[in-house]
Protein backbone atom coordinates (compact mmCIF):
# COMPACT_ATOMS: atom_id res chain seq x y z
CA MET A 1 -11.65 -6.82 -49.75
CA GLY A 2 -10.63 -5.38 -53.14
CA ASN A 3 -7.33 -6.15 -54.83
CA ASN A 4 -5.90 -2.77 -53.89
CA GLN A 5 -6.79 -3.19 -50.22
CA ASN A 6 -4.91 -6.57 -50.14
CA LYS A 7 -1.72 -4.58 -50.70
CA ILE A 8 -2.36 -2.27 -47.81
CA VAL A 9 -0.87 -3.18 -44.39
CA PRO A 10 -1.04 -1.23 -41.15
CA ALA A 11 1.90 0.50 -39.61
CA ASP A 12 4.40 -1.70 -37.75
CA ARG A 13 3.50 0.02 -34.51
CA LEU A 14 0.16 -1.78 -34.52
CA GLN A 15 2.06 -5.02 -33.97
CA THR A 16 3.37 -3.67 -30.63
CA VAL A 17 -0.06 -3.28 -28.93
CA SER A 18 -3.26 -5.29 -28.77
CA GLU A 19 -6.78 -4.00 -28.37
CA TYR A 20 -7.31 -2.63 -24.93
CA TYR A 21 -8.62 -5.42 -22.60
CA PHE A 22 -11.74 -3.61 -21.65
CA SER A 23 -12.53 -2.75 -25.29
CA ARG A 24 -12.39 -6.41 -26.19
CA LYS A 25 -14.12 -7.76 -23.06
CA LEU A 26 -16.97 -5.31 -23.16
CA LYS A 27 -18.01 -6.66 -26.57
CA GLU A 28 -18.35 -10.13 -24.86
CA VAL A 29 -20.34 -8.57 -21.96
CA ALA A 30 -22.58 -6.77 -24.46
CA GLN A 31 -23.27 -10.06 -26.23
CA MET A 32 -24.19 -11.71 -22.91
CA ASN A 33 -26.49 -8.80 -22.10
CA ALA A 34 -28.12 -9.18 -25.57
CA GLU A 35 -28.77 -12.72 -24.66
CA GLY A 36 -30.61 -11.64 -21.52
CA LYS A 37 -27.89 -12.49 -19.01
CA ASP A 38 -27.86 -9.03 -17.30
CA VAL A 39 -24.26 -8.85 -16.37
CA ILE A 40 -23.30 -6.54 -13.54
CA SER A 41 -20.06 -4.75 -14.34
CA LEU A 42 -17.68 -4.06 -11.40
CA ALA A 43 -14.77 -3.77 -13.78
CA ILE A 44 -14.21 -0.21 -15.08
CA GLY A 45 -13.52 2.82 -12.88
CA SER A 46 -16.00 5.16 -14.52
CA PRO A 47 -17.76 7.24 -11.84
CA ASP A 48 -21.48 6.84 -12.09
CA MET A 49 -22.47 10.00 -10.18
CA PRO A 50 -22.83 13.51 -11.52
CA PRO A 51 -20.63 16.51 -10.99
CA SER A 52 -21.80 19.29 -8.72
CA ASP A 53 -24.88 21.23 -9.72
CA LYS A 54 -22.84 24.47 -10.08
CA THR A 55 -20.55 22.62 -12.59
CA ILE A 56 -23.50 21.53 -14.80
CA ASP A 57 -25.20 24.97 -14.43
CA THR A 58 -22.07 26.72 -15.65
CA LEU A 59 -21.76 24.45 -18.72
CA CYS A 60 -25.38 25.13 -19.67
CA GLN A 61 -25.04 28.89 -19.26
CA VAL A 62 -21.85 29.12 -21.32
CA ALA A 63 -23.27 26.90 -23.97
CA LYS A 64 -26.11 29.35 -24.52
CA MET A 65 -23.72 32.16 -25.16
CA PRO A 66 -23.41 32.94 -28.93
CA ASP A 67 -19.71 33.83 -28.65
CA ALA A 68 -18.56 30.80 -26.68
CA HIS A 69 -18.28 28.26 -29.50
CA GLY A 70 -15.03 29.30 -31.24
CA TYR A 71 -11.59 27.84 -30.99
CA GLN A 72 -10.05 28.17 -27.54
CA PRO A 73 -6.37 28.53 -26.70
CA THR A 74 -4.49 25.19 -26.51
CA MET A 75 -2.92 26.32 -23.23
CA GLY A 76 -6.40 26.66 -21.68
CA THR A 77 -8.36 29.65 -20.57
CA PRO A 78 -6.90 31.80 -17.80
CA GLU A 79 -9.97 31.07 -15.63
CA LEU A 80 -9.28 27.32 -15.79
CA ARG A 81 -5.51 27.59 -15.19
CA GLU A 82 -6.12 29.89 -12.21
CA ALA A 83 -8.73 27.47 -10.77
CA MET A 84 -6.19 24.67 -11.11
CA ALA A 85 -3.53 26.69 -9.33
CA ASP A 86 -6.01 27.51 -6.59
CA PHE A 87 -6.95 23.82 -6.26
CA TYR A 88 -3.31 22.81 -5.81
CA LYS A 89 -2.79 25.54 -3.17
CA ARG A 90 -5.88 24.76 -1.22
CA TRP A 91 -5.61 20.97 -1.15
CA TYR A 92 -1.89 20.26 -1.40
CA ASP A 93 -0.36 23.61 -0.26
CA VAL A 94 1.62 23.61 -3.53
CA THR A 95 2.16 27.03 -5.24
CA LEU A 96 1.97 26.97 -9.07
CA ASP A 97 2.15 29.90 -11.50
CA PRO A 98 -1.15 29.60 -13.50
CA LYS A 99 0.45 31.25 -16.51
CA THR A 100 3.49 29.05 -16.89
CA GLU A 101 3.45 25.99 -14.70
CA ILE A 102 0.13 24.41 -15.53
CA GLN A 103 -1.16 22.76 -18.76
CA PRO A 104 -4.76 21.64 -19.04
CA LEU A 105 -5.18 18.26 -20.72
CA ILE A 106 -7.94 16.30 -22.38
CA GLY A 107 -7.54 13.68 -19.58
CA SER A 108 -4.38 11.98 -18.46
CA LYS A 109 -4.19 9.53 -21.36
CA GLU A 110 -3.52 12.53 -23.62
CA GLY A 111 -0.93 13.77 -21.15
CA ILE A 112 0.95 10.42 -21.35
CA LEU A 113 1.15 10.86 -25.14
CA HIS A 114 2.34 14.48 -25.04
CA VAL A 115 4.94 13.94 -22.31
CA THR A 116 6.36 10.92 -24.11
CA LEU A 117 6.53 12.83 -27.34
CA ALA A 118 8.22 15.80 -25.55
CA PHE A 119 10.84 13.88 -23.67
CA VAL A 120 11.51 10.52 -25.26
CA ASN A 121 13.23 9.69 -28.54
CA PRO A 122 12.50 6.37 -30.26
CA GLY A 123 14.72 3.72 -28.58
CA ASP A 124 15.05 5.61 -25.38
CA GLU A 125 13.84 3.79 -22.22
CA VAL A 126 10.97 4.55 -19.85
CA LEU A 127 10.44 3.03 -16.39
CA VAL A 128 6.90 1.69 -15.96
CA PRO A 129 5.52 0.08 -12.76
CA ASN A 130 4.48 -3.52 -12.69
CA PRO A 131 1.60 -3.68 -11.90
CA GLY A 132 0.50 -0.47 -13.45
CA TYR A 133 -1.89 1.43 -15.74
CA PRO A 134 -1.67 -0.34 -19.14
CA THR A 135 -1.57 2.94 -21.08
CA TYR A 136 1.96 3.74 -19.73
CA THR A 137 3.12 0.66 -21.60
CA SER A 138 0.99 0.78 -24.72
CA LEU A 139 1.66 4.41 -25.62
CA SER A 140 5.35 4.06 -24.97
CA LYS A 141 5.48 1.11 -27.34
CA ILE A 142 3.43 2.98 -29.97
CA LEU A 143 5.90 5.82 -29.84
CA GLY A 144 8.93 3.59 -30.21
CA ALA A 145 10.19 3.84 -26.57
CA LYS A 146 11.56 0.75 -24.83
CA VAL A 147 9.54 -0.20 -21.74
CA VAL A 148 11.64 -1.22 -18.74
CA ASN A 149 9.43 -2.49 -15.88
CA TYR A 150 10.13 -1.96 -12.23
CA ASP A 151 8.46 -4.09 -9.60
CA LEU A 152 5.83 -3.13 -7.12
CA MET A 153 5.26 -5.83 -4.51
CA GLU A 154 2.65 -6.26 -1.78
CA ASN A 155 5.25 -6.90 0.87
CA ASN A 156 6.60 -3.34 0.19
CA GLY A 157 3.20 -1.62 0.22
CA TRP A 158 3.39 -1.41 -3.56
CA GLN A 159 6.10 1.18 -3.31
CA PRO A 160 9.20 1.29 -5.60
CA ASP A 161 12.19 -0.68 -4.51
CA PHE A 162 14.87 1.98 -4.79
CA ASP A 163 17.75 -0.55 -4.25
CA ALA A 164 16.52 -2.51 -7.28
CA LEU A 165 16.18 0.66 -9.27
CA GLU A 166 19.72 1.74 -8.54
CA ALA A 167 21.00 -1.64 -9.60
CA MET A 168 19.53 -1.07 -13.14
CA ASP A 169 21.34 0.29 -16.10
CA LEU A 170 19.57 3.75 -16.20
CA SER A 171 21.86 5.28 -18.86
CA ARG A 172 19.05 5.39 -21.51
CA VAL A 173 16.13 6.06 -19.22
CA LYS A 174 14.32 9.39 -19.82
CA LEU A 175 11.04 9.07 -17.89
CA MET A 176 9.77 7.16 -14.91
CA TRP A 177 6.02 6.69 -14.51
CA THR A 178 4.62 6.52 -11.06
CA ASN A 179 1.02 6.52 -9.78
CA TYR A 180 0.04 7.24 -6.17
CA PRO A 181 -2.40 6.55 -4.76
CA ASN A 182 -1.69 3.49 -6.86
CA MET A 183 -3.93 1.93 -9.39
CA PRO A 184 -4.67 -0.96 -9.43
CA THR A 185 -3.28 -1.85 -5.98
CA GLY A 186 -4.67 0.94 -3.75
CA GLY A 187 -1.29 1.53 -2.25
CA ASN A 188 -1.29 5.04 -0.82
CA ALA A 189 1.14 7.88 -1.37
CA ARG A 190 3.94 8.17 1.14
CA ARG A 191 6.08 11.25 1.75
CA GLU A 192 9.15 9.03 2.19
CA THR A 193 8.52 7.59 -1.29
CA TYR A 194 8.08 11.00 -2.85
CA GLU A 195 11.27 12.24 -1.29
CA GLN A 196 13.16 9.25 -2.66
CA LEU A 197 11.63 9.79 -6.09
CA VAL A 198 12.81 13.36 -6.19
CA ALA A 199 16.29 12.36 -5.09
CA PHE A 200 16.33 9.54 -7.71
CA ALA A 201 15.27 11.98 -10.49
CA GLN A 202 17.87 14.51 -9.51
CA LYS A 203 20.71 11.96 -9.26
CA HIS A 204 20.04 10.32 -12.64
CA GLY A 205 18.63 13.12 -14.78
CA ILE A 206 15.35 11.26 -15.20
CA VAL A 207 11.94 12.97 -15.33
CA VAL A 208 9.53 11.36 -12.85
CA VAL A 209 5.90 11.65 -13.88
CA ASN A 210 3.40 11.09 -11.07
CA ASP A 211 -0.15 10.28 -12.18
CA ASN A 212 -2.39 11.47 -9.30
CA PRO A 213 -6.13 11.10 -10.04
CA TYR A 214 -7.08 9.12 -6.98
CA SER A 215 -5.93 11.28 -4.07
CA PHE A 216 -9.51 12.29 -3.02
CA ILE A 217 -11.11 8.78 -3.09
CA LEU A 218 -11.42 7.15 0.39
CA ASN A 219 -8.26 8.93 1.37
CA ASP A 220 -7.88 11.20 4.39
CA ASN A 221 -4.59 12.77 3.36
CA PRO A 222 -4.32 13.93 -0.25
CA MET A 223 -0.67 14.31 -1.29
CA SER A 224 1.15 15.72 -4.24
CA LEU A 225 4.76 14.78 -5.39
CA LEU A 226 5.20 18.59 -5.97
CA GLN A 227 5.08 19.10 -2.19
CA ILE A 228 8.72 17.81 -1.99
CA PRO A 229 11.28 20.63 -2.28
CA GLY A 230 12.99 20.50 -5.72
CA ALA A 231 10.32 18.27 -7.25
CA LYS A 232 9.11 20.94 -9.66
CA ASP A 233 12.60 21.06 -11.26
CA CYS A 234 12.70 17.36 -12.28
CA CYS A 235 9.13 16.04 -11.93
CA ILE A 236 5.74 16.40 -13.64
CA GLU A 237 2.41 15.61 -11.98
CA PHE A 238 -0.86 14.77 -13.68
CA ASN A 239 -4.20 15.31 -11.99
CA SER A 240 -7.58 14.42 -13.42
CA MET A 241 -11.14 15.56 -12.75
CA SER A 242 -12.58 12.14 -13.84
CA LYS A 243 -12.54 10.45 -10.42
CA SER A 244 -12.27 13.31 -7.89
CA HIS A 245 -15.07 15.39 -9.48
CA ASN A 246 -17.22 12.74 -11.14
CA MET A 247 -16.34 14.01 -14.63
CA PRO A 248 -14.86 11.09 -16.63
CA GLY A 249 -16.68 11.95 -19.87
CA TRP A 250 -15.75 15.62 -19.69
CA ARG A 251 -12.06 14.81 -20.41
CA VAL A 252 -10.45 17.44 -18.25
CA GLY A 253 -7.07 16.95 -16.55
CA MET A 254 -3.88 18.84 -16.02
CA CYS A 255 -0.17 18.55 -15.66
CA ALA A 256 1.97 20.73 -13.47
CA SER A 257 5.74 21.23 -13.50
CA ASN A 258 8.31 23.94 -14.14
CA ALA A 259 7.80 26.48 -16.94
CA THR A 260 10.31 24.91 -19.26
CA PHE A 261 8.78 21.40 -19.14
CA ILE A 262 5.32 22.88 -19.56
CA SER A 263 6.49 24.84 -22.65
CA TRP A 264 7.78 21.62 -24.27
CA ILE A 265 4.52 19.83 -23.59
CA LEU A 266 2.51 22.75 -25.00
CA LYS A 267 4.72 22.68 -28.15
CA ILE A 268 3.61 19.12 -28.79
CA LYS A 269 -0.02 19.64 -27.74
CA SER A 270 -0.55 22.79 -29.91
CA ASN A 271 0.29 20.71 -32.97
CA ILE A 272 -2.31 18.02 -32.05
CA ASP A 273 -5.43 19.79 -30.88
CA SER A 274 -7.02 23.13 -30.65
CA GLY A 275 -8.23 23.50 -27.06
CA THR A 276 -11.39 22.27 -25.21
CA PHE A 277 -14.82 23.85 -25.58
CA ARG A 278 -15.05 27.03 -23.51
CA GLY A 279 -18.14 25.79 -21.69
CA VAL A 280 -16.26 22.73 -20.49
CA GLN A 281 -13.29 24.76 -19.34
CA LEU A 282 -15.34 27.35 -17.37
CA ALA A 283 -17.54 24.53 -15.84
CA ALA A 284 -14.34 22.68 -14.84
CA ALA A 285 -13.05 25.88 -13.22
CA GLU A 286 -16.31 25.97 -11.14
CA ALA A 287 -15.92 22.31 -10.20
CA TYR A 288 -12.46 23.01 -8.79
CA ARG A 289 -14.21 25.23 -6.33
CA ASN A 290 -16.20 22.42 -4.84
CA ASP A 291 -15.79 22.47 -1.01
CA ALA A 292 -14.77 19.72 1.33
CA GLN A 293 -18.40 18.95 2.08
CA TRP A 294 -19.12 18.19 -1.51
CA HIS A 295 -16.18 15.79 -1.66
CA LYS A 296 -17.35 14.10 1.55
CA HIS A 297 -21.01 13.64 0.65
CA ALA A 298 -20.88 13.22 -3.13
CA ASN A 299 -17.78 11.06 -3.20
CA ILE A 300 -16.24 9.65 -0.04
CA GLU A 301 -19.36 8.49 1.81
CA VAL A 302 -20.76 6.89 -1.37
CA TYR A 303 -17.56 4.95 -2.05
CA ALA A 304 -17.19 3.95 1.54
CA ALA A 305 -20.66 2.27 1.53
CA ARG A 306 -19.84 0.50 -1.75
CA ARG A 307 -16.41 -0.54 -0.45
CA ASN A 308 -18.22 -2.58 2.23
CA TYR A 309 -19.87 -4.70 -0.41
CA ALA A 310 -16.64 -5.11 -2.37
CA GLU A 311 -14.92 -6.43 0.75
CA GLN A 312 -17.69 -8.92 1.29
CA ILE A 313 -17.35 -10.08 -2.29
CA MET A 314 -13.61 -10.59 -1.77
CA ASP A 315 -14.34 -12.61 1.39
CA VAL A 316 -16.84 -14.91 -0.48
CA LEU A 317 -14.26 -15.44 -3.19
CA GLY A 318 -11.63 -16.32 -0.61
CA CYS A 319 -9.38 -13.43 -1.63
CA THR A 320 -7.13 -11.55 0.84
CA TYR A 321 -6.80 -7.74 0.67
CA ASP A 322 -5.28 -4.81 2.63
CA LYS A 323 -8.02 -2.80 4.35
CA GLN A 324 -5.82 0.23 4.34
CA GLN A 325 -5.85 0.60 0.56
CA VAL A 326 -7.42 3.73 -0.90
CA GLY A 327 -8.98 4.75 -4.22
CA MET A 328 -12.05 3.59 -6.18
CA PHE A 329 -11.12 -0.05 -6.54
CA LEU A 330 -10.49 -3.00 -4.18
CA TRP A 331 -7.45 -5.14 -5.00
CA GLY A 332 -7.25 -8.63 -3.64
CA ARG A 333 -5.01 -11.73 -3.90
CA ILE A 334 -6.75 -14.85 -5.25
CA PRO A 335 -6.84 -18.21 -3.37
CA SER A 336 -4.10 -20.77 -4.23
CA GLN A 337 -6.42 -23.26 -5.92
CA TYR A 338 -6.67 -21.00 -8.97
CA ASN A 339 -3.96 -21.11 -11.60
CA ASN A 340 -4.39 -17.42 -12.28
CA ALA A 341 -6.76 -14.53 -11.72
CA GLU A 342 -8.52 -14.93 -15.15
CA GLN A 343 -9.54 -18.46 -14.24
CA LEU A 344 -11.45 -16.94 -11.23
CA THR A 345 -12.85 -13.87 -13.03
CA GLU A 346 -14.15 -15.94 -15.95
CA LYS A 347 -16.00 -18.28 -13.56
CA VAL A 348 -17.50 -15.17 -11.80
CA LEU A 349 -18.51 -13.71 -15.17
CA HIS A 350 -20.06 -16.80 -16.66
CA GLU A 351 -21.55 -18.44 -13.63
CA ALA A 352 -22.44 -15.40 -11.39
CA ARG A 353 -22.84 -12.91 -14.31
CA VAL A 354 -20.57 -10.33 -12.67
CA PHE A 355 -17.72 -8.72 -14.51
CA ILE A 356 -14.59 -8.04 -12.49
CA THR A 357 -11.03 -7.34 -13.66
CA PRO A 358 -8.21 -9.93 -13.60
CA GLY A 359 -4.96 -8.34 -12.42
CA PHE A 360 -2.80 -9.69 -15.21
CA ILE A 361 -3.83 -6.83 -17.50
CA PHE A 362 -1.77 -4.51 -15.23
CA GLY A 363 1.46 -6.63 -15.55
CA SER A 364 2.88 -9.93 -14.45
CA ASN A 365 2.96 -8.87 -10.80
CA GLY A 366 -0.86 -8.73 -10.95
CA GLU A 367 -1.38 -12.35 -12.18
CA ARG A 368 -2.59 -13.52 -8.83
CA TYR A 369 -4.84 -10.55 -8.08
CA LEU A 370 -8.21 -9.25 -9.13
CA ARG A 371 -9.77 -5.79 -8.99
CA ILE A 372 -13.34 -4.82 -8.05
CA SER A 373 -14.52 -1.34 -9.13
CA LEU A 374 -16.64 0.72 -6.70
CA CYS A 375 -18.42 2.49 -9.64
CA ALA A 376 -21.72 0.74 -9.30
CA LYS A 377 -24.87 1.74 -7.18
CA GLU A 378 -25.19 0.00 -3.85
CA GLU A 379 -28.15 -2.07 -4.96
CA LYS A 380 -26.05 -3.41 -7.90
CA MET A 381 -23.10 -4.13 -5.51
CA GLN A 382 -25.62 -5.99 -3.23
CA GLU A 383 -27.05 -8.01 -6.19
CA ALA A 384 -23.50 -8.87 -7.38
CA LEU A 385 -22.69 -10.10 -3.86
CA ASN A 386 -25.85 -12.21 -3.79
CA ARG A 387 -25.05 -13.75 -7.23
CA ILE A 388 -21.52 -14.64 -6.25
CA LYS A 389 -22.63 -16.13 -2.92
CA LYS A 390 -24.94 -18.47 -4.84
CA VAL A 391 -21.96 -19.78 -6.88
CA PHE A 392 -19.20 -19.67 -4.39
CA ALA A 393 -20.62 -19.77 -0.81
């Protein structure tokens, strides 16, 4: 490092976050693979199946058009917004105005950034579930918000404890992050919870943001927070194509709310990016038209078969789990002989050469849990089970 570089220090906000767990751990796994150890990853929720044929065909057709490569509107093409509105009407019976109540996103992570910038001043507080998606915490910290955790517990079906929430000092809280079906726990959405969330938001002037990417994965009853009367006035919902449509690398999601909230979010977003490639937007619009049979065959049946192997792995490891959980992960409580989940997951990684996720990365309430991803082919799940049996059975 030159003399001048020695004088350069990063922004203070870098001290508030660490490198994303998976970013760090995947380097270790890559090194193990380079040494010929052939690690099977059951850690990350990255769907390994393709989108529908019509989706891919549309992308290819548009990409060949000479006039399709210019800047696109930040608010998204009319075709995409209308497809998103149709999707919400067809699956959730929620009516959205495609012109004013929908904002396409480059995935939900981007939405977390934009919503926080639009609603939260530095020093304001945000309610974040524990356990919960780590990005709710990390982006809040980067942007100078104060994270206030609220507990999700297994004995309450991983639903918020509204008595505990009411007992908090909520005077500086601007946002509340929720995520149902829940990741990492698999706790399903409940109408009663959604009704309580809307009432809570209305009572305290807090915007509830529900992150809803998992409602189609091993779930018979997809729900939306916006189904609750009055929700649109005080709530925002994210939805993502990554899991439900096998499109994680396409980076297409959406948020839906009232026209005023959407206009604030667009004001932020329009200063940060210039809209997604037209081919991706029109292909995504096509994907939203996938029928129930596509979701059943390309998605639910595949995950159901894999889930069977994940449950067997949990059994071999001596973990307990709720068979009613939904989504593309299996969440289980570790046996009492381990000090924490990482002690078990490190043993699985280095002795069985299978990478699974320790629950502590989702918050302190996840310390005695681990998570198995269903995003691996059945033969890989079978091989992972066999390897773990050799070590633990």
